[in-house]
Amino acid sequence: MIARRPVLSLLVLALILLAGLVWQNRAHLTAFPGIISAYTAKEYCSCRYVMGNEADYCQSYVKQYVPTSDLLDDAERKRVTASGLGRSNTAAWVSPHQGCRLMPEADDTP
């Protein structure tokens, strides 16, 4: 079969190798969606409340190739919530010395 259909054989081999790589790195691939929103929330919070930049500048500063679906800036409480790829993370300003910190996710289990 390989001699008769070399292109199809190479395609099947490439798919098998790709499936093996995905399986081997499955833990890293499942963590990726949370990293996008965490990075955006933390960096926007630091840009806005630690460095004191304007909101428009900070939005362009945290813009990524993988887009976020929502960015909520609560200026009164100095908290930022970013959502993207089905995950949401919140960062809050702690103090001038400590800057911003990612907030732990709420535990919904009783």
C-alpha atoms as a PDB file:
ATOM      1  CA  MET A   1       0.000   0.000   0.000  1.00  0.00           C
ATOM      2  CA  ILE A   2       2.873   2.412   0.760  1.00  0.00           C
ATOM      3  CA  ALA A   3       4.326   2.045  -2.736  1.00  0.00           C
ATOM      4  CA  ARG A   4       0.931   2.598  -4.389  1.00  0.00           C
ATOM      5  CA  ARG A   5      -0.193   5.591  -2.305  1.00  0.00           C
ATOM      6  CA  PRO A   6       2.833   7.364  -0.817  1.00  0.00           C
ATOM      7  CA  VAL A   7       1.038  10.680  -0.181  1.00  0.00           C
ATOM      8  CA  LEU A   8      -1.803   8.993   1.699  1.00  0.00           C
ATOM      9  CA  SER A   9       0.697   6.916   3.686  1.00  0.00           C
ATOM     10  CA  LEU A  10       2.656  10.026   4.685  1.00  0.00           C
ATOM     11  CA  LEU A  11      -0.551  11.788   5.687  1.00  0.00           C
ATOM     12  CA  VAL A  12      -1.617   8.865   7.887  1.00  0.00           C
ATOM     13  CA  LEU A  13       1.844   8.724   9.472  1.00  0.00           C
ATOM     14  CA  ALA A  14       1.769  12.493  10.128  1.00  0.00           C
ATOM     15  CA  LEU A  15      -1.658  12.197  11.786  1.00  0.00           C
ATOM     16  CA  ILE A  16      -0.442   9.349  14.008  1.00  0.00           C
ATOM     17  CA  LEU A  17       2.600  11.380  15.062  1.00  0.00           C
ATOM     18  CA  LEU A  18       0.443  14.444  15.740  1.00  0.00           C
ATOM     19  CA  ALA A  19      -1.969  12.381  17.837  1.00  0.00           C
ATOM     20  CA  GLY A  20       0.984  11.038  19.830  1.00  0.00           C
ATOM     21  CA  LEU A  21       2.303  14.549  20.493  1.00  0.00           C
ATOM     22  CA  VAL A  22      -1.119  15.771  21.590  1.00  0.00           C
ATOM     23  CA  TRP A  23      -1.519  12.802  23.932  1.00  0.00           C
ATOM     24  CA  GLN A  24       1.948  13.298  25.404  1.00  0.00           C
ATOM     25  CA  ASN A  25       1.296  17.024  26.067  1.00  0.00           C
ATOM     26  CA  ARG A  26      -2.369  16.820  27.055  1.00  0.00           C
ATOM     27  CA  ALA A  27      -1.798  18.362  30.515  1.00  0.00           C
ATOM     28  CA  HIS A  28      -0.100  21.400  29.006  1.00  0.00           C
ATOM     29  CA  LEU A  29      -2.778  21.797  26.352  1.00  0.00           C
ATOM     30  CA  THR A  30      -5.595  21.762  28.929  1.00  0.00           C
ATOM     31  CA  ALA A  31      -3.839  24.476  30.986  1.00  0.00           C
ATOM     32  CA  PHE A  32      -3.443  26.836  28.027  1.00  0.00           C
ATOM     33  CA  PRO A  33      -6.940  28.445  28.066  1.00  0.00           C
ATOM     34  CA  GLY A  34      -6.527  29.525  31.693  1.00  0.00           C
ATOM     35  CA  ILE A  35      -3.120  31.045  31.038  1.00  0.00           C
ATOM     36  CA  ILE A  36      -4.520  33.483  28.465  1.00  0.00           C
ATOM     37  CA  SER A  37      -7.094  35.061  30.783  1.00  0.00           C
ATOM     38  CA  ALA A  38      -4.735  35.007  33.798  1.00  0.00           C
ATOM     39  CA  TYR A  39      -1.985  36.798  31.866  1.00  0.00           C
ATOM     40  CA  THR A  40      -4.416  39.410  30.547  1.00  0.00           C
ATOM     41  CA  ALA A  41      -5.956  40.139  33.969  1.00  0.00           C
ATOM     42  CA  LYS A  42      -2.602  40.350  35.785  1.00  0.00           C
ATOM     43  CA  GLU A  43      -0.810  42.456  33.188  1.00  0.00           C
ATOM     44  CA  TYR A  44      -3.749  44.844  32.721  1.00  0.00           C
ATOM     45  CA  CYS A  45      -4.052  45.292  36.487  1.00  0.00           C
ATOM     46  CA  SER A  46      -0.325  46.010  36.772  1.00  0.00           C
ATOM     47  CA  CYS A  47      -0.386  48.410  33.830  1.00  0.00           C
ATOM     48  CA  ARG A  48      -3.408  50.290  35.122  1.00  0.00           C
ATOM     49  CA  TYR A  49      -3.022  50.361  38.896  1.00  0.00           C
ATOM     50  CA  VAL A  50       0.695  49.853  39.552  1.00  0.00           C
ATOM     51  CA  MET A  51       2.093  51.894  36.667  1.00  0.00           C
ATOM     52  CA  GLY A  52      -0.856  54.342  36.571  1.00  0.00           C
ATOM     53  CA  ASN A  53      -1.428  54.227  32.793  1.00  0.00           C
ATOM     54  CA  GLU A  54      -4.678  55.067  31.027  1.00  0.00           C
ATOM     55  CA  ALA A  55      -7.193  52.313  30.253  1.00  0.00           C
ATOM     56  CA  ASP A  56      -6.806  52.624  26.458  1.00  0.00           C
ATOM     57  CA  TYR A  57      -3.046  52.206  26.663  1.00  0.00           C
ATOM     58  CA  CYS A  58      -3.345  49.169  28.935  1.00  0.00           C
ATOM     59  CA  GLN A  59      -5.877  47.505  26.641  1.00  0.00           C
ATOM     60  CA  SER A  60      -3.478  47.785  23.741  1.00  0.00           C
ATOM     61  CA  TYR A  61      -0.602  46.662  25.987  1.00  0.00           C
ATOM     62  CA  VAL A  62      -2.257  43.335  26.874  1.00  0.00           C
ATOM     63  CA  LYS A  63      -3.637  42.614  23.401  1.00  0.00           C
ATOM     64  CA  GLN A  64      -2.605  39.142  22.216  1.00  0.00           C
ATOM     65  CA  TYR A  65      -2.854  36.984  19.138  1.00  0.00           C
ATOM     66  CA  VAL A  66      -5.344  34.806  21.004  1.00  0.00           C
ATOM     67  CA  PRO A  67      -8.174  37.231  21.733  1.00  0.00           C
ATOM     68  CA  THR A  68      -9.966  37.574  25.044  1.00  0.00           C
ATOM     69  CA  SER A  69     -13.729  37.757  24.945  1.00  0.00           C
ATOM     70  CA  ASP A  70     -14.233  40.163  27.862  1.00  0.00           C
ATOM     71  CA  LEU A  71     -12.209  42.543  30.023  1.00  0.00           C
ATOM     72  CA  LEU A  72     -13.940  44.127  33.018  1.00  0.00           C
ATOM     73  CA  ASP A  73     -12.125  46.925  34.855  1.00  0.00           C
ATOM     74  CA  ASP A  74     -13.589  47.756  38.283  1.00  0.00           C
ATOM     75  CA  ALA A  75     -11.728  51.005  38.999  1.00  0.00           C
ATOM     76  CA  GLU A  76     -13.424  51.530  42.367  1.00  0.00           C
ATOM     77  CA  ARG A  77     -12.162  48.206  43.794  1.00  0.00           C
ATOM     78  CA  LYS A  78      -9.063  48.106  41.539  1.00  0.00           C
ATOM     79  CA  ARG A  79      -9.970  44.664  40.199  1.00  0.00           C
ATOM     80  CA  VAL A  80      -9.734  43.346  36.654  1.00  0.00           C
ATOM     81  CA  THR A  81     -11.517  40.287  35.296  1.00  0.00           C
ATOM     82  CA  ALA A  82     -10.511  38.841  31.942  1.00  0.00           C
ATOM     83  CA  SER A  83     -12.317  36.074  30.085  1.00  0.00           C
ATOM     84  CA  GLY A  84     -11.128  34.095  27.112  1.00  0.00           C
ATOM     85  CA  LEU A  85     -11.256  30.573  25.682  1.00  0.00           C
ATOM     86  CA  GLY A  86     -13.972  29.653  28.175  1.00  0.00           C
ATOM     87  CA  ARG A  87     -11.977  30.607  31.297  1.00  0.00           C
ATOM     88  CA  SER A  88     -12.104  33.670  33.517  1.00  0.00           C
ATOM     89  CA  ASN A  89      -9.499  35.085  35.927  1.00  0.00           C
ATOM     90  CA  THR A  90      -9.436  38.068  38.259  1.00  0.00           C
ATOM     91  CA  ALA A  91      -6.492  40.159  39.409  1.00  0.00           C
ATOM     92  CA  ALA A  92      -6.671  42.777  42.160  1.00  0.00           C
ATOM     93  CA  TRP A  93      -4.374  45.544  43.305  1.00  0.00           C
ATOM     94  CA  VAL A  94      -2.942  44.707  46.749  1.00  0.00           C
ATOM     95  CA  SER A  95      -0.607  47.565  47.660  1.00  0.00           C
ATOM     96  CA  PRO A  96       2.052  49.822  46.145  1.00  0.00           C
ATOM     97  CA  HIS A  97       4.759  47.450  47.362  1.00  0.00           C
ATOM     98  CA  GLN A  98       3.089  44.167  46.275  1.00  0.00           C
ATOM     99  CA  GLY A  99       1.312  45.380  43.148  1.00  0.00           C
ATOM    100  CA  CYS A 100      -1.413  43.180  41.646  1.00  0.00           C
ATOM    101  CA  ARG A 101      -2.133  39.558  42.452  1.00  0.00           C
ATOM    102  CA  LEU A 102      -4.270  36.910  40.784  1.00  0.00           C
ATOM    103  CA  MET A 103      -7.246  36.057  42.958  1.00  0.00           C
ATOM    104  CA  PRO A 104      -7.968  32.416  43.731  1.00  0.00           C
ATOM    105  CA  GLU A 105     -10.845  30.923  41.831  1.00  0.00           C
ATOM    106  CA  ALA A 106     -14.068  30.542  43.776  1.00  0.00           C
ATOM    107  CA  ASP A 107     -14.728  26.990  44.905  1.00  0.00           C
ATOM    108  CA  ASP A 108     -18.262  26.068  43.880  1.00  0.00           C
ATOM    109  CA  THR A 109     -18.281  22.708  45.685  1.00  0.00           C
ATOM    110  CA  PRO A 110     -20.343  22.580  48.895  1.00  0.00           C
END
